Amino acid sequence: MKIAIVGSCLTRDNFNSKFNANYKMFFECVAHQHQANILSLMSDAIPTHGQNLDKYTGFRLKHFRSELTKEFLEELSIEKPEYLLIDLYGDIYCGAIELGNGNYLTNNTMFKGIPVYDESNGKIIRVTDGEYFDIFKKKFNDFYKYVMSVTPKTKIVIVKNKFGDKLSSGHNLSKIRLENGIPIINVKKLNELWEKYNSFLINQYKFRFLDMTDNDYLLSDNHPWGKFYVHYTTNFYRDFFNKLQKIAVDDYSKKIIELEKSNKRLKKKVKFYENESVTHLIKRNLLKVKKINQLNNYIKGRT
């Protein structure tokens, strides 16, 4: 079953054998737009020439290149996944840089060293700024229309999530980061905004959602990518995977029910024709011939 992702490692890691060993038995991740926000994704593509991307390889190269080229949009139209999972990490955590003419770049510090990021003097806007929500609503609507135009059967699922701050060891992540001179976030405030944005999308577009906010998951002290606000202990990934499987199973159950209904209707038609008398069959076909002749006469009369 094909899935695509707009979001961060909190969603993408569920399709990595380090976290869910047997995920390939059920899902294939065919496209991923990593940590980009919706404002950037629906902006004009930026030429990669002169952006020093040749020094990167693998996942990092794909991440940086897709941020500029918006190639994810074409991948969606080609792959036509059954599910598109969206987590709004790129909007909530990163914010955006204004590039002018309604275009934006994700304000991700990992882009340091890329000229379009380093040399940008545009205004940085964040979800804590009132204007961000208005821009987001317009850009997301553009994105939704695009998805429906190129892959209308794809089901969009919002991943509801929240930042954590408590490690499995009992320590506080923000305290550790402060002690090491690493910037921290206002977990409570950003979680409130994340809920606001998720609720808007779910209510406005009637999207399904995968709720990971119903449990206070602990952050991992030994996560492969290090300690961070969305790097959880293993039970997070197990629960995520189970919830996604339930969504898929429910959908297939509905398809089976529809097929059974269709099959019953077909059986009724077959039974009718099997039991039809010869006299009725002749009358029915003569009626068809009569209608065809009437149509032909009508057409001849017009010419």
C-alpha atoms as a PDB file:
ATOM      1  CA  MET A   1       0.000   0.000   0.000  1.00  0.00           C
ATOM      2  CA  LYS A   2       1.537   3.281  -1.110  1.00  0.00           C
ATOM      3  CA  ILE A   3       1.833   6.173   1.340  1.00  0.00           C
ATOM      4  CA  ALA A   4       3.325   9.654   1.000  1.00  0.00           C
ATOM      5  CA  ILE A   5       4.361  12.053   3.754  1.00  0.00           C
ATOM      6  CA  VAL A   6       4.524  15.779   4.251  1.00  0.00           C
ATOM      7  CA  GLY A   7       6.157  16.068   7.634  1.00  0.00           C
ATOM      8  CA  SER A   8       9.033  15.223   9.901  1.00  0.00           C
ATOM      9  CA  CYS A   9      10.763  12.200  11.380  1.00  0.00           C
ATOM     10  CA  LEU A  10       7.884  11.724  13.838  1.00  0.00           C
ATOM     11  CA  THR A  11       5.908  10.394  10.861  1.00  0.00           C
ATOM     12  CA  ARG A  12       8.655   9.213   8.510  1.00  0.00           C
ATOM     13  CA  ASP A  13      10.412   7.101  11.167  1.00  0.00           C
ATOM     14  CA  ASN A  14       7.406   4.792  11.277  1.00  0.00           C
ATOM     15  CA  PHE A  15       8.460   3.600   7.818  1.00  0.00           C
ATOM     16  CA  ASN A  16      12.007   2.839   8.834  1.00  0.00           C
ATOM     17  CA  SER A  17      12.987  -0.688   9.888  1.00  0.00           C
ATOM     18  CA  LYS A  18      14.873   0.747  12.881  1.00  0.00           C
ATOM     19  CA  PHE A  19      11.486   1.599  14.402  1.00  0.00           C
ATOM     20  CA  ASN A  20       8.999  -0.784  12.767  1.00  0.00           C
ATOM     21  CA  ALA A  21      10.901  -3.814  11.541  1.00  0.00           C
ATOM     22  CA  ASN A  22       8.125  -5.260   9.362  1.00  0.00           C
ATOM     23  CA  TYR A  23       6.607  -2.090   7.929  1.00  0.00           C
ATOM     24  CA  LYS A  24       7.401  -3.140   4.324  1.00  0.00           C
ATOM     25  CA  MET A  25       4.925  -6.004   4.661  1.00  0.00           C
ATOM     26  CA  PHE A  26       2.147  -3.394   4.758  1.00  0.00           C
ATOM     27  CA  PHE A  27       3.300  -0.026   3.418  1.00  0.00           C
ATOM     28  CA  GLU A  28       5.628   1.526   0.865  1.00  0.00           C
ATOM     29  CA  CYS A  29       6.698   5.127   1.369  1.00  0.00           C
ATOM     30  CA  VAL A  30       6.820   6.461  -2.196  1.00  0.00           C
ATOM     31  CA  ALA A  31       7.273  10.196  -1.536  1.00  0.00           C
ATOM     32  CA  HIS A  32       8.379  12.321   1.402  1.00  0.00           C
ATOM     33  CA  GLN A  33       8.662  16.079   1.793  1.00  0.00           C
ATOM     34  CA  HIS A  34      10.859  16.393   4.865  1.00  0.00           C
ATOM     35  CA  GLN A  35      10.283  19.160   7.434  1.00  0.00           C
ATOM     36  CA  ALA A  36       8.982  21.618   4.842  1.00  0.00           C
ATOM     37  CA  ASN A  37       6.114  23.867   5.759  1.00  0.00           C
ATOM     38  CA  ILE A  38       3.046  24.331   3.599  1.00  0.00           C
ATOM     39  CA  LEU A  39       4.018  27.925   2.770  1.00  0.00           C
ATOM     40  CA  SER A  40       7.270  26.770   1.192  1.00  0.00           C
ATOM     41  CA  LEU A  41       5.814  23.692  -0.496  1.00  0.00           C
ATOM     42  CA  MET A  42       3.295  25.819  -2.398  1.00  0.00           C
ATOM     43  CA  SER A  43       5.803  28.478  -3.435  1.00  0.00           C
ATOM     44  CA  ASP A  44       7.604  28.734  -6.756  1.00  0.00           C
ATOM     45  CA  ALA A  45      10.485  26.334  -7.320  1.00  0.00           C
ATOM     46  CA  ILE A  46      14.008  27.684  -6.803  1.00  0.00           C
ATOM     47  CA  PRO A  47      16.751  26.670  -9.300  1.00  0.00           C
ATOM     48  CA  THR A  48      19.340  24.425  -7.657  1.00  0.00           C
ATOM     49  CA  HIS A  49      22.201  25.841  -9.741  1.00  0.00           C
ATOM     50  CA  GLY A  50      24.641  27.685  -7.498  1.00  0.00           C
ATOM     51  CA  GLN A  51      23.120  26.363  -4.256  1.00  0.00           C
ATOM     52  CA  ASN A  52      26.165  24.202  -3.319  1.00  0.00           C
ATOM     53  CA  LEU A  53      24.121  21.001  -3.184  1.00  0.00           C
ATOM     54  CA  ASP A  54      26.933  18.926  -4.690  1.00  0.00           C
ATOM     55  CA  LYS A  55      28.563  18.593  -1.262  1.00  0.00           C
ATOM     56  CA  TYR A  56      25.569  16.668   0.084  1.00  0.00           C
ATOM     57  CA  THR A  57      24.519  13.058  -0.512  1.00  0.00           C
ATOM     58  CA  GLY A  58      21.713  10.643   0.307  1.00  0.00           C
ATOM     59  CA  PHE A  59      18.878  11.749   2.552  1.00  0.00           C
ATOM     60  CA  ARG A  60      20.334  15.207   3.227  1.00  0.00           C
ATOM     61  CA  LEU A  61      20.676  15.940  -0.493  1.00  0.00           C
ATOM     62  CA  LYS A  62      17.106  14.814  -1.138  1.00  0.00           C
ATOM     63  CA  HIS A  63      15.862  16.977   1.752  1.00  0.00           C
ATOM     64  CA  PHE A  64      17.600  20.142   0.604  1.00  0.00           C
ATOM     65  CA  ARG A  65      16.883  19.640  -3.101  1.00  0.00           C
ATOM     66  CA  SER A  66      13.177  18.950  -2.635  1.00  0.00           C
ATOM     67  CA  GLU A  67      12.816  22.061  -0.479  1.00  0.00           C
ATOM     68  CA  LEU A  68      13.985  24.096  -3.458  1.00  0.00           C
ATOM     69  CA  THR A  69      12.544  22.201  -6.437  1.00  0.00           C
ATOM     70  CA  LYS A  70       9.157  21.197  -4.904  1.00  0.00           C
ATOM     71  CA  GLU A  71       9.689  17.865  -6.694  1.00  0.00           C
ATOM     72  CA  PHE A  72       7.424  16.205  -4.136  1.00  0.00           C
ATOM     73  CA  LEU A  73       4.422  17.625  -5.980  1.00  0.00           C
ATOM     74  CA  GLU A  74       5.371  15.816  -9.184  1.00  0.00           C
ATOM     75  CA  GLU A  75       6.086  12.633  -7.219  1.00  0.00           C
ATOM     76  CA  LEU A  76       2.525  12.737  -5.900  1.00  0.00           C
ATOM     77  CA  SER A  77       1.100  12.959  -9.417  1.00  0.00           C
ATOM     78  CA  ILE A  78       3.231  10.010 -10.569  1.00  0.00           C
ATOM     79  CA  GLU A  79       2.888   7.679  -7.580  1.00  0.00           C
ATOM     80  CA  LYS A  80      -0.751   8.395  -6.651  1.00  0.00           C
ATOM     81  CA  PRO A  81      -0.485   7.018  -3.106  1.00  0.00           C
ATOM     82  CA  GLU A  82      -3.451   5.593  -1.268  1.00  0.00           C
ATOM     83  CA  TYR A  83      -2.688   7.742   1.783  1.00  0.00           C
ATOM     84  CA  LEU A  84      -1.011  11.113   2.273  1.00  0.00           C
ATOM     85  CA  LEU A  85       0.058  11.636   5.882  1.00  0.00           C
ATOM     86  CA  ILE A  86       0.578  15.227   6.991  1.00  0.00           C
ATOM     87  CA  ASP A  87       2.219  16.423  10.188  1.00  0.00           C
ATOM     88  CA  LEU A  88       2.705  20.165  10.525  1.00  0.00           C
ATOM     89  CA  TYR A  89       6.124  20.118  12.206  1.00  0.00           C
ATOM     90  CA  GLY A  90       7.615  22.338   9.488  1.00  0.00           C
ATOM     91  CA  ASP A  91       5.003  25.017  10.111  1.00  0.00           C
ATOM     92  CA  ILE A  92       4.861  24.800  13.900  1.00  0.00           C
ATOM     93  CA  TYR A  93       8.560  24.405  14.706  1.00  0.00           C
ATOM     94  CA  CYS A  94      10.345  26.131  11.821  1.00  0.00           C
ATOM     95  CA  GLY A  95       8.241  28.965  10.477  1.00  0.00           C
ATOM     96  CA  ALA A  96       9.051  30.556   7.116  1.00  0.00           C
ATOM     97  CA  ILE A  97      11.218  33.176   5.424  1.00  0.00           C
ATOM     98  CA  GLU A  98       9.516  35.593   3.041  1.00  0.00           C
ATOM     99  CA  LEU A  99      11.178  35.602  -0.392  1.00  0.00           C
ATOM    100  CA  GLY A 100       8.779  38.035  -2.047  1.00  0.00           C
ATOM    101  CA  ASN A 101       5.962  37.677  -4.564  1.00  0.00           C
ATOM    102  CA  GLY A 102       4.078  35.309  -2.271  1.00  0.00           C
ATOM    103  CA  ASN A 103       6.977  32.848  -2.033  1.00  0.00           C
ATOM    104  CA  TYR A 104       8.510  31.373   1.107  1.00  0.00           C
ATOM    105  CA  LEU A 105      11.324  29.117   2.290  1.00  0.00           C
ATOM    106  CA  THR A 106      11.167  26.907   5.356  1.00  0.00           C
ATOM    107  CA  ASN A 107      13.174  28.588   8.117  1.00  0.00           C
ATOM    108  CA  ASN A 108      15.217  25.483   8.894  1.00  0.00           C
ATOM    109  CA  THR A 109      18.671  26.081  10.384  1.00  0.00           C
ATOM    110  CA  MET A 110      19.881  22.902   8.661  1.00  0.00           C
ATOM    111  CA  PHE A 111      19.835  24.950   5.445  1.00  0.00           C
ATOM    112  CA  LYS A 112      22.864  26.965   6.616  1.00  0.00           C
ATOM    113  CA  GLY A 113      25.445  26.799   3.845  1.00  0.00           C
ATOM    114  CA  ILE A 114      22.854  27.025   1.093  1.00  0.00           C
ATOM    115  CA  PRO A 115      23.034  30.505  -0.504  1.00  0.00           C
ATOM    116  CA  VAL A 116      19.285  31.056  -0.841  1.00  0.00           C
ATOM    117  CA  TYR A 117      19.029  30.583   2.931  1.00  0.00           C
ATOM    118  CA  ASP A 118      22.233  32.349   3.977  1.00  0.00           C
ATOM    119  CA  GLU A 119      21.701  35.357   1.726  1.00  0.00           C
ATOM    120  CA  SER A 120      18.009  35.814   2.352  1.00  0.00           C
ATOM    121  CA  ASN A 121      17.133  39.035   4.127  1.00  0.00           C
ATOM    122  CA  GLY A 122      13.408  38.412   4.068  1.00  0.00           C
ATOM    123  CA  LYS A 123      11.184  38.644   7.095  1.00  0.00           C
ATOM    124  CA  ILE A 124      10.900  35.521   9.239  1.00  0.00           C
ATOM    125  CA  ILE A 125       7.316  34.695  10.204  1.00  0.00           C
ATOM    126  CA  ARG A 126       6.310  32.097  12.766  1.00  0.00           C
ATOM    127  CA  VAL A 127       3.102  30.427  13.887  1.00  0.00           C
ATOM    128  CA  THR A 128       3.163  32.682  16.940  1.00  0.00           C
ATOM    129  CA  ASP A 129       2.597  35.605  14.547  1.00  0.00           C
ATOM    130  CA  GLY A 130      -1.043  36.215  13.695  1.00  0.00           C
ATOM    131  CA  GLU A 131      -0.395  36.648   9.972  1.00  0.00           C
ATOM    132  CA  TYR A 132       1.022  33.128   9.577  1.00  0.00           C
ATOM    133  CA  PHE A 133      -2.373  31.460   9.990  1.00  0.00           C
ATOM    134  CA  ASP A 134      -3.987  33.499   7.226  1.00  0.00           C
ATOM    135  CA  ILE A 135      -1.175  32.697   4.791  1.00  0.00           C
ATOM    136  CA  PHE A 136      -1.249  29.050   5.837  1.00  0.00           C
ATOM    137  CA  LYS A 137      -4.971  28.721   5.137  1.00  0.00           C
ATOM    138  CA  LYS A 138      -4.576  30.040   1.594  1.00  0.00           C
ATOM    139  CA  LYS A 139      -1.485  27.975   0.823  1.00  0.00           C
ATOM    140  CA  PHE A 140      -3.014  24.807   2.213  1.00  0.00           C
ATOM    141  CA  ASN A 141      -6.118  25.289   0.110  1.00  0.00           C
ATOM    142  CA  ASP A 142      -3.861  25.577  -2.947  1.00  0.00           C
ATOM    143  CA  PHE A 143      -2.143  22.354  -1.886  1.00  0.00           C
ATOM    144  CA  TYR A 144      -5.423  20.528  -1.351  1.00  0.00           C
ATOM    145  CA  LYS A 145      -6.714  21.552  -4.773  1.00  0.00           C
ATOM    146  CA  TYR A 146      -3.487  20.377  -6.359  1.00  0.00           C
ATOM    147  CA  VAL A 147      -3.606  16.973  -4.652  1.00  0.00           C
ATOM    148  CA  MET A 148      -7.224  16.433  -5.643  1.00  0.00           C
ATOM    149  CA  SER A 149      -6.448  17.381  -9.263  1.00  0.00           C
ATOM    150  CA  VAL A 150      -3.530  14.950  -9.717  1.00  0.00           C
ATOM    151  CA  THR A 151      -4.493  12.070  -7.420  1.00  0.00           C
ATOM    152  CA  PRO A 152      -8.149  12.442  -6.391  1.00  0.00           C
ATOM    153  CA  LYS A 153      -8.397   8.980  -4.835  1.00  0.00           C
ATOM    154  CA  THR A 154      -5.611   9.685  -2.327  1.00  0.00           C
ATOM    155  CA  LYS A 155      -6.891   9.919   1.238  1.00  0.00           C
ATOM    156  CA  ILE A 156      -5.350  12.690   3.349  1.00  0.00           C
ATOM    157  CA  VAL A 157      -4.730  11.831   6.995  1.00  0.00           C
ATOM    158  CA  ILE A 158      -3.661  14.479   9.515  1.00  0.00           C
ATOM    159  CA  VAL A 159      -1.158  13.269  12.087  1.00  0.00           C
ATOM    160  CA  LYS A 160      -2.124  14.932  15.356  1.00  0.00           C
ATOM    161  CA  ASN A 161       0.953  15.222  17.522  1.00  0.00           C
ATOM    162  CA  LYS A 162       2.543  17.302  20.242  1.00  0.00           C
ATOM    163  CA  PHE A 163       6.032  18.139  21.409  1.00  0.00           C
ATOM    164  CA  GLY A 164       7.332  16.290  24.460  1.00  0.00           C
ATOM    165  CA  ASP A 165       9.750  17.557  27.081  1.00  0.00           C
ATOM    166  CA  LYS A 166      10.203  14.644  29.474  1.00  0.00           C
ATOM    167  CA  LEU A 167      12.816  11.998  28.755  1.00  0.00           C
ATOM    168  CA  SER A 168      12.406   8.334  29.644  1.00  0.00           C
ATOM    169  CA  SER A 169      15.194   8.806  32.200  1.00  0.00           C
ATOM    170  CA  GLY A 170      13.017  11.350  34.021  1.00  0.00           C
ATOM    171  CA  HIS A 171      15.129  14.338  32.989  1.00  0.00           C
ATOM    172  CA  ASN A 172      13.745  17.454  31.306  1.00  0.00           C
ATOM    173  CA  LEU A 173      14.936  17.976  27.721  1.00  0.00           C
ATOM    174  CA  SER A 174      14.662  21.775  27.779  1.00  0.00           C
ATOM    175  CA  LYS A 175      16.770  21.925  30.938  1.00  0.00           C
ATOM    176  CA  ILE A 176      19.458  19.780  29.330  1.00  0.00           C
ATOM    177  CA  ARG A 177      19.452  21.937  26.210  1.00  0.00           C
ATOM    178  CA  LEU A 178      19.760  25.137  28.256  1.00  0.00           C
ATOM    179  CA  GLU A 179      22.692  23.691  30.187  1.00  0.00           C
ATOM    180  CA  ASN A 180      24.412  22.987  26.872  1.00  0.00           C
ATOM    181  CA  GLY A 181      23.606  26.333  25.266  1.00  0.00           C
ATOM    182  CA  ILE A 182      21.093  24.864  22.814  1.00  0.00           C
ATOM    183  CA  PRO A 183      17.925  26.849  21.995  1.00  0.00           C
ATOM    184  CA  ILE A 184      14.672  25.646  23.540  1.00  0.00           C
ATOM    185  CA  ILE A 185      11.021  25.999  22.561  1.00  0.00           C
ATOM    186  CA  ASN A 186       7.909  26.957  24.475  1.00  0.00           C
ATOM    187  CA  VAL A 187       6.417  23.458  24.465  1.00  0.00           C
ATOM    188  CA  LYS A 188       3.049  24.448  25.923  1.00  0.00           C
ATOM    189  CA  LYS A 189       2.503  27.364  23.514  1.00  0.00           C
ATOM    190  CA  LEU A 190       3.558  25.478  20.394  1.00  0.00           C
ATOM    191  CA  ASN A 191       1.403  22.481  21.331  1.00  0.00           C
ATOM    192  CA  GLU A 192      -1.609  24.770  21.640  1.00  0.00           C
ATOM    193  CA  LEU A 193      -0.915  26.193  18.182  1.00  0.00           C
ATOM    194  CA  TRP A 194      -0.356  22.724  16.723  1.00  0.00           C
ATOM    195  CA  GLU A 195      -3.772  21.688  18.026  1.00  0.00           C
ATOM    196  CA  LYS A 196      -5.324  24.850  16.552  1.00  0.00           C
ATOM    197  CA  TYR A 197      -3.915  24.187  13.083  1.00  0.00           C
ATOM    198  CA  ASN A 198      -4.829  20.484  13.170  1.00  0.00           C
ATOM    199  CA  SER A 199      -8.380  21.279  14.276  1.00  0.00           C
ATOM    200  CA  PHE A 200      -8.774  23.780  11.463  1.00  0.00           C
ATOM    201  CA  LEU A 201      -7.756  21.239   8.804  1.00  0.00           C
ATOM    202  CA  ILE A 202      -9.869  18.438  10.252  1.00  0.00           C
ATOM    203  CA  ASN A 203     -12.969  20.602  10.587  1.00  0.00           C
ATOM    204  CA  GLN A 204     -12.570  22.559   7.353  1.00  0.00           C
ATOM    205  CA  TYR A 205     -11.745  19.636   5.058  1.00  0.00           C
ATOM    206  CA  LYS A 206     -13.276  16.759   7.029  1.00  0.00           C
ATOM    207  CA  PHE A 207      -9.942  14.940   7.003  1.00  0.00           C
ATOM    208  CA  ARG A 208      -9.360  11.732   8.871  1.00  0.00           C
ATOM    209  CA  PHE A 209      -6.742  11.970  11.590  1.00  0.00           C
ATOM    210  CA  LEU A 210      -4.289   9.739  13.380  1.00  0.00           C
ATOM    211  CA  ASP A 211      -4.304  10.910  16.992  1.00  0.00           C
ATOM    212  CA  MET A 212      -0.974  10.671  18.812  1.00  0.00           C
ATOM    213  CA  THR A 213      -1.976  13.266  21.423  1.00  0.00           C
ATOM    214  CA  ASP A 214      -4.039  10.845  23.524  1.00  0.00           C
ATOM    215  CA  ASN A 215      -0.927   9.604  25.314  1.00  0.00           C
ATOM    216  CA  ASP A 216       1.931  11.524  26.935  1.00  0.00           C
ATOM    217  CA  TYR A 217       4.740   9.702  25.189  1.00  0.00           C
ATOM    218  CA  LEU A 218       8.185  10.033  26.725  1.00  0.00           C
ATOM    219  CA  LEU A 219      11.180  11.170  24.726  1.00  0.00           C
ATOM    220  CA  SER A 220      13.978   8.681  24.179  1.00  0.00           C
ATOM    221  CA  ASP A 221      17.383   9.068  25.799  1.00  0.00           C
ATOM    222  CA  ASN A 222      18.809   6.720  23.154  1.00  0.00           C
ATOM    223  CA  HIS A 223      17.067   7.740  19.966  1.00  0.00           C
ATOM    224  CA  PRO A 224      19.092   7.081  16.768  1.00  0.00           C
ATOM    225  CA  TRP A 225      18.868  10.771  15.840  1.00  0.00           C
ATOM    226  CA  GLY A 226      19.565  12.053  19.366  1.00  0.00           C
ATOM    227  CA  LYS A 227      17.451  13.694  22.063  1.00  0.00           C
ATOM    228  CA  PHE A 228      14.760  15.989  20.654  1.00  0.00           C
ATOM    229  CA  TYR A 229      11.203  17.178  21.222  1.00  0.00           C
ATOM    230  CA  VAL A 230       9.713  14.669  18.735  1.00  0.00           C
ATOM    231  CA  HIS A 231      12.106  11.737  19.227  1.00  0.00           C
ATOM    232  CA  TYR A 232      10.097   9.252  21.256  1.00  0.00           C
ATOM    233  CA  THR A 233      10.458   5.899  22.938  1.00  0.00           C
ATOM    234  CA  THR A 234       9.582   2.790  20.927  1.00  0.00           C
ATOM    235  CA  ASN A 235       5.951   2.550  22.083  1.00  0.00           C
ATOM    236  CA  PHE A 236       5.147   5.728  20.119  1.00  0.00           C
ATOM    237  CA  TYR A 237       6.092   4.090  16.817  1.00  0.00           C
ATOM    238  CA  ARG A 238       4.303   0.855  17.671  1.00  0.00           C
ATOM    239  CA  ASP A 239       1.091   2.717  18.494  1.00  0.00           C
ATOM    240  CA  PHE A 240       1.369   4.935  15.418  1.00  0.00           C
ATOM    241  CA  PHE A 241       1.753   1.927  13.160  1.00  0.00           C
ATOM    242  CA  ASN A 242      -1.183   0.109  14.750  1.00  0.00           C
ATOM    243  CA  LYS A 243      -3.434   3.148  14.369  1.00  0.00           C
ATOM    244  CA  LEU A 244      -2.515   3.567  10.713  1.00  0.00           C
ATOM    245  CA  GLN A 245      -3.178  -0.106  10.075  1.00  0.00           C
ATOM    246  CA  LYS A 246      -6.613   0.257  11.665  1.00  0.00           C
ATOM    247  CA  ILE A 247      -7.434   3.143   9.322  1.00  0.00           C
ATOM    248  CA  ALA A 248      -6.374   1.036   6.344  1.00  0.00           C
ATOM    249  CA  VAL A 249      -8.300  -2.043   7.527  1.00  0.00           C
ATOM    250  CA  ASP A 250     -11.443   0.023   8.122  1.00  0.00           C
ATOM    251  CA  ASP A 251     -11.206   1.408   4.598  1.00  0.00           C
ATOM    252  CA  TYR A 252     -10.788  -2.028   3.077  1.00  0.00           C
ATOM    253  CA  SER A 253     -13.687  -3.339   5.122  1.00  0.00           C
ATOM    254  CA  LYS A 254     -15.881  -0.616   3.631  1.00  0.00           C
ATOM    255  CA  LYS A 255     -14.703  -1.573   0.138  1.00  0.00           C
ATOM    256  CA  ILE A 256     -15.596  -5.205   0.795  1.00  0.00           C
ATOM    257  CA  ILE A 257     -19.081  -4.216   1.983  1.00  0.00           C
ATOM    258  CA  GLU A 258     -19.594  -2.135  -1.169  1.00  0.00           C
ATOM    259  CA  LEU A 259     -18.400  -5.014  -3.341  1.00  0.00           C
ATOM    260  CA  GLU A 260     -20.791  -7.375  -1.588  1.00  0.00           C
ATOM    261  CA  LYS A 261     -23.689  -4.972  -2.205  1.00  0.00           C
ATOM    262  CA  SER A 262     -22.691  -4.638  -5.836  1.00  0.00           C
ATOM    263  CA  ASN A 263     -22.434  -8.408  -6.126  1.00  0.00           C
ATOM    264  CA  LYS A 264     -25.954  -8.838  -4.735  1.00  0.00           C
ATOM    265  CA  ARG A 265     -27.339  -6.380  -7.279  1.00  0.00           C
ATOM    266  CA  LEU A 266     -25.533  -8.250 -10.061  1.00  0.00           C
ATOM    267  CA  LYS A 267     -26.902 -11.579  -8.852  1.00  0.00           C
ATOM    268  CA  LYS A 268     -30.452 -10.198  -8.928  1.00  0.00           C
ATOM    269  CA  LYS A 269     -29.984  -9.114 -12.538  1.00  0.00           C
ATOM    270  CA  VAL A 270     -28.543 -12.492 -13.514  1.00  0.00           C
ATOM    271  CA  LYS A 271     -31.385 -14.298 -11.765  1.00  0.00           C
ATOM    272  CA  PHE A 272     -33.947 -12.104 -13.567  1.00  0.00           C
ATOM    273  CA  TYR A 273     -32.480 -12.899 -16.977  1.00  0.00           C
ATOM    274  CA  GLU A 274     -32.148 -16.602 -16.148  1.00  0.00           C
ATOM    275  CA  ASN A 275     -35.846 -16.791 -15.227  1.00  0.00           C
ATOM    276  CA  GLU A 276     -37.063 -14.537 -18.013  1.00  0.00           C
ATOM    277  CA  SER A 277     -39.645 -16.108 -20.342  1.00  0.00           C
ATOM    278  CA  VAL A 278     -38.979 -16.347 -24.057  1.00  0.00           C
ATOM    279  CA  THR A 279     -41.994 -14.120 -24.768  1.00  0.00           C
ATOM    280  CA  HIS A 280     -40.725 -11.411 -22.427  1.00  0.00           C
ATOM    281  CA  LEU A 281     -37.218 -11.621 -23.890  1.00  0.00           C
ATOM    282  CA  ILE A 282     -38.568 -11.127 -27.434  1.00  0.00           C
ATOM    283  CA  LYS A 283     -40.718  -8.163 -26.352  1.00  0.00           C
ATOM    284  CA  ARG A 284     -37.798  -6.531 -24.536  1.00  0.00           C
ATOM    285  CA  ASN A 285     -35.506  -6.792 -27.549  1.00  0.00           C
ATOM    286  CA  LEU A 286     -38.219  -5.649 -29.959  1.00  0.00           C
ATOM    287  CA  LEU A 287     -38.673  -2.586 -27.772  1.00  0.00           C
ATOM    288  CA  LYS A 288     -34.959  -1.824 -28.080  1.00  0.00           C
ATOM    289  CA  VAL A 289     -35.156  -2.208 -31.870  1.00  0.00           C
ATOM    290  CA  LYS A 290     -38.167   0.103 -31.968  1.00  0.00           C
ATOM    291  CA  LYS A 291     -36.315   2.788 -30.003  1.00  0.00           C
ATOM    292  CA  ILE A 292     -33.275   2.503 -32.271  1.00  0.00           C
ATOM    293  CA  ASN A 293     -35.453   2.858 -35.375  1.00  0.00           C
ATOM    294  CA  GLN A 294     -37.168   5.893 -33.894  1.00  0.00           C
ATOM    295  CA  LEU A 295     -33.782   7.487 -33.227  1.00  0.00           C
ATOM    296  CA  ASN A 296     -32.575   6.739 -36.747  1.00  0.00           C
ATOM    297  CA  ASN A 297     -35.731   8.222 -38.260  1.00  0.00           C
ATOM    298  CA  TYR A 298     -35.303  11.307 -36.101  1.00  0.00           C
ATOM    299  CA  ILE A 299     -31.714  11.745 -37.266  1.00  0.00           C
ATOM    300  CA  LYS A 300     -32.706  11.233 -40.921  1.00  0.00           C
ATOM    301  CA  GLY A 301     -35.429  13.830 -40.531  1.00  0.00           C
ATOM    302  CA  ARG A 302     -32.904  16.366 -39.270  1.00  0.00           C
ATOM    303  CA  THR A 303     -30.600  15.770 -42.214  1.00  0.00           C
END
